[in-house]
């Protein structure tokens, strides 16, 4: 059972990787970025936009924006049913 949720409304997150990606990996990442990027995994469309870019060394910058008014669940505290109902 979900005991609690972490919900946000409006996100503009930019994550930069220190790892360098080769051309084939960059192409694969660009192709899949619209499906969602870590840590949000929200697919592009409507209220969500995922962008990815690479610098000359192959280091990635990923940006996810989620429009205000479109709450997103970032996480949940999940308990076993016994514990949720007060058991041990």
PDB file of N, CA and C in Angstrom:
ATOM      1  N   UNK A   1       0.838  -1.168   0.000  1.00  0.00           N
ATOM      2  CA  UNK A   1       0.000   0.000   0.000  1.00  0.00           C
ATOM      3  C   UNK A   1       0.887   1.237   0.000  1.00  0.00           C
ATOM      4  N   UNK A   2       0.447   2.253  -0.698  1.00  0.00           N
ATOM      5  CA  UNK A   2       1.171   3.524  -0.699  1.00  0.00           C
ATOM      6  C   UNK A   2       0.781   4.293   0.556  1.00  0.00           C
ATOM      7  N   UNK A   3       1.745   4.502   1.449  1.00  0.00           N
ATOM      8  CA  UNK A   3       1.491   5.205   2.702  1.00  0.00           C
ATOM      9  C   UNK A   3       1.601   6.712   2.532  1.00  0.00           C
ATOM     10  N   UNK A   4       2.441   7.146   1.587  1.00  0.00           N
ATOM     11  CA  UNK A   4       2.584   8.575   1.317  1.00  0.00           C
ATOM     12  C   UNK A   4       3.139   8.755  -0.090  1.00  0.00           C
ATOM     13  N   UNK A   5       2.918   9.945  -0.639  1.00  0.00           N
ATOM     14  CA  UNK A   5       3.397  10.272  -1.978  1.00  0.00           C
ATOM     15  C   UNK A   5       4.208  11.552  -1.938  1.00  0.00           C
ATOM     16  N   UNK A   6       5.195  11.659  -2.822  1.00  0.00           N
ATOM     17  CA  UNK A   6       5.920  12.910  -3.060  1.00  0.00           C
ATOM     18  C   UNK A   6       5.420  13.436  -4.399  1.00  0.00           C
ATOM     19  N   UNK A   7       4.709  14.557  -4.357  1.00  0.00           N
ATOM     20  CA  UNK A   7       4.090  15.124  -5.555  1.00  0.00           C
ATOM     21  C   UNK A   7       4.626  16.538  -5.755  1.00  0.00           C
ATOM     22  N   UNK A   8       4.966  16.868  -7.001  1.00  0.00           N
ATOM     23  CA  UNK A   8       5.413  18.221  -7.335  1.00  0.00           C
ATOM     24  C   UNK A   8       4.516  18.793  -8.422  1.00  0.00           C
ATOM     25  N   UNK A   9       4.456  20.101  -8.446  1.00  0.00           N
ATOM     26  CA  UNK A   9       3.669  20.785  -9.463  1.00  0.00           C
ATOM     27  C   UNK A   9       4.571  21.821 -10.114  1.00  0.00           C
ATOM     28  N   UNK A  10       5.018  21.521 -11.303  1.00  0.00           N
ATOM     29  CA  UNK A  10       5.938  22.400 -12.005  1.00  0.00           C
ATOM     30  C   UNK A  10       7.370  21.989 -11.726  1.00  0.00           C
ATOM     31  N   UNK A  11       8.067  21.553 -12.755  1.00  0.00           N
ATOM     32  CA  UNK A  11       9.456  21.117 -12.619  1.00  0.00           C
ATOM     33  C   UNK A  11      10.264  21.717 -13.763  1.00  0.00           C
ATOM     34  N   UNK A  12      11.460  22.174 -13.452  1.00  0.00           N
ATOM     35  CA  UNK A  12      12.430  22.567 -14.478  1.00  0.00           C
ATOM     36  C   UNK A  12      13.774  22.075 -13.978  1.00  0.00           C
ATOM     37  N   UNK A  13      14.146  20.887 -14.402  1.00  0.00           N
ATOM     38  CA  UNK A  13      15.351  20.230 -13.901  1.00  0.00           C
ATOM     39  C   UNK A  13      16.351  20.010 -15.025  1.00  0.00           C
ATOM     40  N   UNK A  14      17.600  20.373 -14.749  1.00  0.00           N
ATOM     41  CA  UNK A  14      18.686  20.135 -15.698  1.00  0.00           C
ATOM     42  C   UNK A  14      19.724  19.272 -15.004  1.00  0.00           C
ATOM     43  N   UNK A  15      20.054  18.153 -15.630  1.00  0.00           N
ATOM     44  CA  UNK A  15      21.023  17.203 -15.093  1.00  0.00           C
ATOM     45  C   UNK A  15      22.166  17.081 -16.083  1.00  0.00           C
ATOM     46  N   UNK A  16      23.391  17.227 -15.592  1.00  0.00           N
ATOM     47  CA  UNK A  16      24.568  17.127 -16.452  1.00  0.00           C
ATOM     48  C   UNK A  16      25.378  15.897 -16.064  1.00  0.00           C
ATOM     49  N   UNK A  17      25.772  15.133 -17.061  1.00  0.00           N
ATOM     50  CA  UNK A  17      26.547  13.917 -16.843  1.00  0.00           C
ATOM     51  C   UNK A  17      28.034  14.197 -17.033  1.00  0.00           C
ATOM     52  N   UNK A  18      28.846  13.625 -16.174  1.00  0.00           N
ATOM     53  CA  UNK A  18      30.293  13.722 -16.327  1.00  0.00           C
ATOM     54  C   UNK A  18      30.838  12.657 -17.270  1.00  0.00           C
ATOM     55  N   UNK A  19      30.008  11.670 -17.609  1.00  0.00           N
ATOM     56  CA  UNK A  19      30.434  10.599 -18.508  1.00  0.00           C
ATOM     57  C   UNK A  19      30.363  11.078 -19.954  1.00  0.00           C
ATOM     58  N   UNK A  20      31.267  10.580 -20.771  1.00  0.00           N
ATOM     59  CA  UNK A  20      31.264  10.900 -22.203  1.00  0.00           C
ATOM     60  C   UNK A  20      30.598   9.755 -22.963  1.00  0.00           C
ATOM     61  N   UNK A  21      29.725  10.108 -23.894  1.00  0.00           N
ATOM     62  CA  UNK A  21      29.007   9.127 -24.700  1.00  0.00           C
ATOM     63  C   UNK A  21      29.507   9.192 -26.134  1.00  0.00           C
ATOM     64  N   UNK A  22      29.697   8.024 -26.756  1.00  0.00           N
ATOM     65  CA  UNK A  22      30.136   8.003 -28.158  1.00  0.00           C
ATOM     66  C   UNK A  22      28.955   8.346 -29.064  1.00  0.00           C
ATOM     67  N   UNK A  23      29.215   8.494 -30.338  1.00  0.00           N
ATOM     68  CA  UNK A  23      28.191   8.940 -31.295  1.00  0.00           C
ATOM     69  C   UNK A  23      26.991   7.997 -31.346  1.00  0.00           C
ATOM     70  N   UNK A  24      27.229   6.695 -31.308  1.00  0.00           N
ATOM     71  CA  UNK A  24      26.120   5.731 -31.363  1.00  0.00           C
ATOM     72  C   UNK A  24      25.246   5.844 -30.122  1.00  0.00           C
ATOM     73  N   UNK A  25      25.868   5.970 -28.953  1.00  0.00           N
ATOM     74  CA  UNK A  25      25.101   6.122 -27.717  1.00  0.00           C
ATOM     75  C   UNK A  25      24.320   7.436 -27.715  1.00  0.00           C
ATOM     76  N   UNK A  26      24.936   8.501 -28.208  1.00  0.00           N
ATOM     77  CA  UNK A  26      24.247   9.787 -28.284  1.00  0.00           C
ATOM     78  C   UNK A  26      22.999   9.686 -29.153  1.00  0.00           C
ATOM     79  N   UNK A  27      23.128   9.007 -30.270  1.00  0.00           N
ATOM     80  CA  UNK A  27      21.987   8.843 -31.175  1.00  0.00           C
ATOM     81  C   UNK A  27      20.870   8.058 -30.485  1.00  0.00           C
ATOM     82  N   UNK A  28      21.232   6.993 -29.773  1.00  0.00           N
ATOM     83  CA  UNK A  28      20.234   6.183 -29.072  1.00  0.00           C
ATOM     84  C   UNK A  28      19.559   6.991 -27.965  1.00  0.00           C
ATOM     85  N   UNK A  29      20.327   7.782 -27.236  1.00  0.00           N
ATOM     86  CA  UNK A  29      19.764   8.599 -26.159  1.00  0.00           C
ATOM     87  C   UNK A  29      18.824   9.653 -26.731  1.00  0.00           C
ATOM     88  N   UNK A  30      19.244  10.323 -27.797  1.00  0.00           N
ATOM     89  CA  UNK A  30      18.375  11.332 -28.429  1.00  0.00           C
ATOM     90  C   UNK A  30      17.054  10.714 -28.898  1.00  0.00           C
ATOM     91  N   UNK A  31      17.145   9.508 -29.472  1.00  0.00           N
ATOM     92  CA  UNK A  31      15.940   8.846 -29.985  1.00  0.00           C
ATOM     93  C   UNK A  31      14.967   8.475 -28.871  1.00  0.00           C
ATOM     94  N   UNK A  32      15.501   8.153 -27.703  1.00  0.00           N
ATOM     95  CA  UNK A  32      14.652   7.691 -26.602  1.00  0.00           C
ATOM     96  C   UNK A  32      14.299   8.784 -25.591  1.00  0.00           C
ATOM     97  N   UNK A  33      14.936   9.931 -25.663  1.00  0.00           N
ATOM     98  CA  UNK A  33      14.682  11.008 -24.698  1.00  0.00           C
ATOM     99  C   UNK A  33      13.208  11.386 -24.601  1.00  0.00           C
ATOM    100  N   UNK A  34      12.451  11.420 -25.704  1.00  0.00           N
ATOM    101  CA  UNK A  34      11.031  11.771 -25.575  1.00  0.00           C
ATOM    102  C   UNK A  34      10.228  10.805 -24.702  1.00  0.00           C
ATOM    103  N   UNK A  35      10.745   9.600 -24.475  1.00  0.00           N
ATOM    104  CA  UNK A  35      10.051   8.622 -23.640  1.00  0.00           C
ATOM    105  C   UNK A  35      10.211   8.924 -22.156  1.00  0.00           C
ATOM    106  N   UNK A  36      11.144   9.819 -21.819  1.00  0.00           N
ATOM    107  CA  UNK A  36      11.383  10.195 -20.430  1.00  0.00           C
ATOM    108  C   UNK A  36      12.838  10.022 -20.058  1.00  0.00           C
ATOM    109  N   UNK A  37      13.301  10.889 -19.172  1.00  0.00           N
ATOM    110  CA  UNK A  37      14.689  10.888 -18.737  1.00  0.00           C
ATOM    111  C   UNK A  37      14.761  10.751 -17.217  1.00  0.00           C
ATOM    112  N   UNK A  38      15.845  10.143 -16.739  1.00  0.00           N
ATOM    113  CA  UNK A  38      16.061  10.024 -15.302  1.00  0.00           C
ATOM    114  C   UNK A  38      16.145  11.418 -14.711  1.00  0.00           C
ATOM    115  N   UNK A  39      15.589  11.700 -13.602  1.00  0.00           N
ATOM    116  CA  UNK A  39      14.930  10.801 -12.652  1.00  0.00           C
ATOM    117  C   UNK A  39      13.410  10.801 -12.753  1.00  0.00           C
ATOM    118  N   UNK A  40      12.851  11.451 -13.769  1.00  0.00           N
ATOM    119  CA  UNK A  40      11.397  11.626 -13.827  1.00  0.00           C
ATOM    120  C   UNK A  40      10.685  10.575 -14.677  1.00  0.00           C
ATOM    121  N   UNK A  41      11.288  10.154 -15.758  1.00  0.00           N
ATOM    122  CA  UNK A  41      10.693   9.153 -16.643  1.00  0.00           C
ATOM    123  C   UNK A  41       9.283   9.531 -17.098  1.00  0.00           C
ATOM    124  N   UNK A  42       9.057  10.821 -17.301  1.00  0.00           N
ATOM    125  CA  UNK A  42       7.766  11.295 -17.802  1.00  0.00           C
ATOM    126  C   UNK A  42       7.901  11.508 -19.305  1.00  0.00           C
ATOM    127  N   UNK A  43       7.052  10.887 -20.108  1.00  0.00           N
ATOM    128  CA  UNK A  43       7.172  11.034 -21.560  1.00  0.00           C
ATOM    129  C   UNK A  43       6.812  12.449 -22.022  1.00  0.00           C
ATOM    130  N   UNK A  44       7.496  12.897 -23.070  1.00  0.00           N
ATOM    131  CA  UNK A  44       7.208  14.210 -23.652  1.00  0.00           C
ATOM    132  C   UNK A  44       5.803  14.231 -24.227  1.00  0.00           C
ATOM    133  N   UNK A  45       5.212  15.407 -24.191  1.00  0.00           N
ATOM    134  CA  UNK A  45       3.867  15.587 -24.741  1.00  0.00           C
ATOM    135  C   UNK A  45       2.997  16.302 -23.733  1.00  0.00           C
ATOM    136  N   UNK A  46       2.132  17.148 -24.208  1.00  0.00           N
ATOM    137  CA  UNK A  46       1.244  17.870 -23.301  1.00  0.00           C
ATOM    138  C   UNK A  46       2.023  18.766 -22.365  1.00  0.00           C
ATOM    139  N   UNK A  47       2.080  18.378 -21.091  1.00  0.00           N
ATOM    140  CA  UNK A  47       2.702  19.202 -20.054  1.00  0.00           C
ATOM    141  C   UNK A  47       4.189  18.944 -19.870  1.00  0.00           C
ATOM    142  N   UNK A  48       4.741  17.943 -20.548  1.00  0.00           N
ATOM    143  CA  UNK A  48       6.127  17.531 -20.307  1.00  0.00           C
ATOM    144  C   UNK A  48       6.986  17.721 -21.551  1.00  0.00           C
ATOM    145  N   UNK A  49       8.198  18.240 -21.343  1.00  0.00           N
ATOM    146  CA  UNK A  49       9.181  18.344 -22.427  1.00  0.00           C
ATOM    147  C   UNK A  49      10.511  17.787 -21.934  1.00  0.00           C
ATOM    148  N   UNK A  50      11.101  16.900 -22.714  1.00  0.00           N
ATOM    149  CA  UNK A  50      12.418  16.336 -22.423  1.00  0.00           C
ATOM    150  C   UNK A  50      13.371  16.755 -23.533  1.00  0.00           C
ATOM    151  N   UNK A  51      14.505  17.309 -23.146  1.00  0.00           N
ATOM    152  CA  UNK A  51      15.514  17.725 -24.111  1.00  0.00           C
ATOM    153  C   UNK A  51      16.852  17.132 -23.690  1.00  0.00           C
ATOM    154  N   UNK A  52      17.668  16.789 -24.663  1.00  0.00           N
ATOM    155  CA  UNK A  52      18.995  16.273 -24.365  1.00  0.00           C
ATOM    156  C   UNK A  52      19.975  16.874 -25.359  1.00  0.00           C
ATOM    157  N   UNK A  53      21.162  17.200 -24.861  1.00  0.00           N
ATOM    158  CA  UNK A  53      22.217  17.718 -25.733  1.00  0.00           C
ATOM    159  C   UNK A  53      23.551  17.178 -25.252  1.00  0.00           C
ATOM    160  N   UNK A  54      24.533  17.258 -26.134  1.00  0.00           N
ATOM    161  CA  UNK A  54      25.868  16.763 -25.828  1.00  0.00           C
ATOM    162  C   UNK A  54      26.880  17.834 -26.181  1.00  0.00           C
ATOM    163  N   UNK A  55      27.913  17.977 -25.332  1.00  0.00           N
ATOM    164  CA  UNK A  55      28.967  18.932 -25.654  1.00  0.00           C
ATOM    165  C   UNK A  55      29.992  18.261 -26.573  1.00  0.00           C
ATOM    166  N   UNK A  56      31.026  18.987 -26.937  1.00  0.00           N
ATOM    167  CA  UNK A  56      32.030  18.477 -27.882  1.00  0.00           C
ATOM    168  C   UNK A  56      32.748  17.235 -27.360  1.00  0.00           C
ATOM    169  N   UNK A  57      32.769  17.057 -26.040  1.00  0.00           N
ATOM    170  CA  UNK A  57      33.421  15.880 -25.450  1.00  0.00           C
ATOM    171  C   UNK A  57      32.477  14.701 -25.277  1.00  0.00           C
ATOM    172  N   UNK A  58      31.218  14.878 -25.626  1.00  0.00           N
ATOM    173  CA  UNK A  58      30.242  13.800 -25.512  1.00  0.00           C
ATOM    174  C   UNK A  58      29.517  13.758 -24.181  1.00  0.00           C
ATOM    175  N   UNK A  59      29.715  14.766 -23.330  1.00  0.00           N
ATOM    176  CA  UNK A  59      29.017  14.804 -22.045  1.00  0.00           C
ATOM    177  C   UNK A  59      27.588  15.301 -22.263  1.00  0.00           C
ATOM    178  N   UNK A  60      26.668  14.664 -21.577  1.00  0.00           N
ATOM    179  CA  UNK A  60      25.244  14.909 -21.800  1.00  0.00           C
ATOM    180  C   UNK A  60      24.672  15.913 -20.807  1.00  0.00           C
ATOM    181  N   UNK A  61      23.762  16.736 -21.305  1.00  0.00           N
ATOM    182  CA  UNK A  61      22.920  17.577 -20.469  1.00  0.00           C
ATOM    183  C   UNK A  61      21.477  17.227 -20.812  1.00  0.00           C
ATOM    184  N   UNK A  62      20.720  16.844 -19.794  1.00  0.00           N
ATOM    185  CA  UNK A  62      19.317  16.478 -19.975  1.00  0.00           C
ATOM    186  C   UNK A  62      18.461  17.480 -19.217  1.00  0.00           C
ATOM    187  N   UNK A  63      17.397  17.935 -19.853  1.00  0.00           N
ATOM    188  CA  UNK A  63      16.484  18.882 -19.216  1.00  0.00           C
ATOM    189  C   UNK A  63      15.059  18.358 -19.334  1.00  0.00           C
ATOM    190  N   UNK A  64      14.377  18.332 -18.199  1.00  0.00           N
ATOM    191  CA  UNK A  64      12.973  17.967 -18.157  1.00  0.00           C
ATOM    192  C   UNK A  64      12.203  19.141 -17.579  1.00  0.00           C
ATOM    193  N   UNK A  65      11.170  19.560 -18.284  1.00  0.00           N
ATOM    194  CA  UNK A  65      10.274  20.594 -17.768  1.00  0.00           C
ATOM    195  C   UNK A  65       8.857  20.042 -17.744  1.00  0.00           C
ATOM    196  N   UNK A  66       8.195  20.307 -16.636  1.00  0.00           N
ATOM    197  CA  UNK A  66       6.801  19.894 -16.474  1.00  0.00           C
ATOM    198  C   UNK A  66       6.019  21.148 -16.095  1.00  0.00           C
ATOM    199  N   UNK A  67       5.054  21.483 -16.899  1.00  0.00           N
ATOM    200  CA  UNK A  67       4.273  22.703 -16.745  1.00  0.00           C
ATOM    201  C   UNK A  67       3.533  22.729 -15.405  1.00  0.00           C
ATOM    202  N   UNK A  68       3.472  23.921 -14.810  1.00  0.00           N
ATOM    203  CA  UNK A  68       2.667  24.108 -13.593  1.00  0.00           C
ATOM    204  C   UNK A  68       1.214  23.775 -13.909  1.00  0.00           C
ATOM    205  N   UNK A  69       0.552  23.221 -12.916  1.00  0.00           N
ATOM    206  CA  UNK A  69      -0.829  22.798 -13.115  1.00  0.00           C
ATOM    207  C   UNK A  69      -0.935  21.359 -13.583  1.00  0.00           C
ATOM    208  N   UNK A  70       0.210  20.690 -13.650  1.00  0.00           N
ATOM    209  CA  UNK A  70       0.249  19.280 -14.059  1.00  0.00           C
ATOM    210  C   UNK A  70       1.048  18.490 -13.021  1.00  0.00           C
ATOM    211  N   UNK A  71       0.467  18.230 -11.850  1.00  0.00           N
ATOM    212  CA  UNK A  71       1.198  17.553 -10.774  1.00  0.00           C
ATOM    213  C   UNK A  71       1.735  16.195 -11.221  1.00  0.00           C
ATOM    214  N   UNK A  72       2.913  15.868 -10.717  1.00  0.00           N
ATOM    215  CA  UNK A  72       3.583  14.610 -11.052  1.00  0.00           C
ATOM    216  C   UNK A  72       4.003  13.928  -9.752  1.00  0.00           C
ATOM    217  N   UNK A  73       3.782  12.625  -9.660  1.00  0.00           N
ATOM    218  CA  UNK A  73       4.234  11.836  -8.517  1.00  0.00           C
ATOM    219  C   UNK A  73       5.695  11.481  -8.745  1.00  0.00           C
ATOM    220  N   UNK A  74       6.564  11.921  -7.823  1.00  0.00           N
ATOM    221  CA  UNK A  74       7.991  11.604  -7.933  1.00  0.00           C
ATOM    222  C   UNK A  74       8.355  10.335  -7.185  1.00  0.00           C
ATOM    223  N   UNK A  75       7.600   9.998  -6.177  1.00  0.00           N
ATOM    224  CA  UNK A  75       7.918   8.816  -5.401  1.00  0.00           C
ATOM    225  C   UNK A  75       6.806   8.462  -4.450  1.00  0.00           C
ATOM    226  N   UNK A  76       6.933   7.292  -3.851  1.00  0.00           N
ATOM    227  CA  UNK A  76       5.937   6.816  -2.902  1.00  0.00           C
ATOM    228  C   UNK A  76       6.619   6.016  -1.808  1.00  0.00           C
ATOM    229  N   UNK A  77       6.073   6.103  -0.628  1.00  0.00           N
ATOM    230  CA  UNK A  77       6.509   5.271   0.479  1.00  0.00           C
ATOM    231  C   UNK A  77       5.558   4.082   0.515  1.00  0.00           C
ATOM    232  N   UNK A  78       6.064   2.913   0.164  1.00  0.00           N
ATOM    233  CA  UNK A  78       5.222   1.730   0.021  1.00  0.00           C
ATOM    234  C   UNK A  78       5.467   0.793   1.199  1.00  0.00           C
ATOM    235  N   UNK A  79       4.374   0.358   1.806  1.00  0.00           N
ATOM    236  CA  UNK A  79       4.439  -0.571   2.928  1.00  0.00           C
ATOM    237  C   UNK A  79       3.700  -1.851   2.593  1.00  0.00           C
ATOM    238  N   UNK A  80       4.160  -2.948   3.159  1.00  0.00           N
ATOM    239  CA  UNK A  80       3.421  -4.201   3.050  1.00  0.00           C
ATOM    240  C   UNK A  80       2.070  -4.050   3.726  1.00  0.00           C
ATOM    241  N   UNK A  81       1.092  -4.810   3.301  1.00  0.00           N
ATOM    242  CA  UNK A  81      -0.275  -4.648   3.817  1.00  0.00           C
ATOM    243  C   UNK A  81      -0.345  -4.842   5.317  1.00  0.00           C
ATOM    244  N   UNK A  82       0.403  -5.779   5.856  1.00  0.00           N
ATOM    245  CA  UNK A  82       0.389  -6.034   7.295  1.00  0.00           C
ATOM    246  C   UNK A  82       0.870  -4.796   8.058  1.00  0.00           C
ATOM    247  N   UNK A  83       1.978  -4.239   7.625  1.00  0.00           N
ATOM    248  CA  UNK A  83       2.510  -3.043   8.294  1.00  0.00           C
ATOM    249  C   UNK A  83       1.583  -1.847   8.092  1.00  0.00           C
ATOM    250  N   UNK A  84       1.027  -1.715   6.918  1.00  0.00           N
ATOM    251  CA  UNK A  84       0.117  -0.620   6.622  1.00  0.00           C
ATOM    252  C   UNK A  84      -1.088  -0.643   7.571  1.00  0.00           C
ATOM    253  N   UNK A  85      -1.552  -1.855   7.874  1.00  0.00           N
ATOM    254  CA  UNK A  85      -2.710  -2.002   8.751  1.00  0.00           C
ATOM    255  C   UNK A  85      -2.334  -2.041  10.239  1.00  0.00           C
ATOM    256  N   UNK A  86      -1.047  -1.780  10.532  1.00  0.00           N
ATOM    257  CA  UNK A  86      -0.622  -1.668  11.927  1.00  0.00           C
ATOM    258  C   UNK A  86       0.036  -2.899  12.494  1.00  0.00           C
ATOM    259  N   UNK A  87       0.219  -3.921  11.695  1.00  0.00           N
ATOM    260  CA  UNK A  87       0.886  -5.135  12.168  1.00  0.00           C
ATOM    261  C   UNK A  87       2.402  -4.975  12.142  1.00  0.00           C
ATOM    262  N   UNK A  88       3.119  -5.992  12.526  1.00  0.00           N
ATOM    263  CA  UNK A  88       4.580  -5.964  12.584  1.00  0.00           C
ATOM    264  C   UNK A  88       5.172  -6.352  11.330  1.00  0.00           C
TER     265      UNK A  88
END
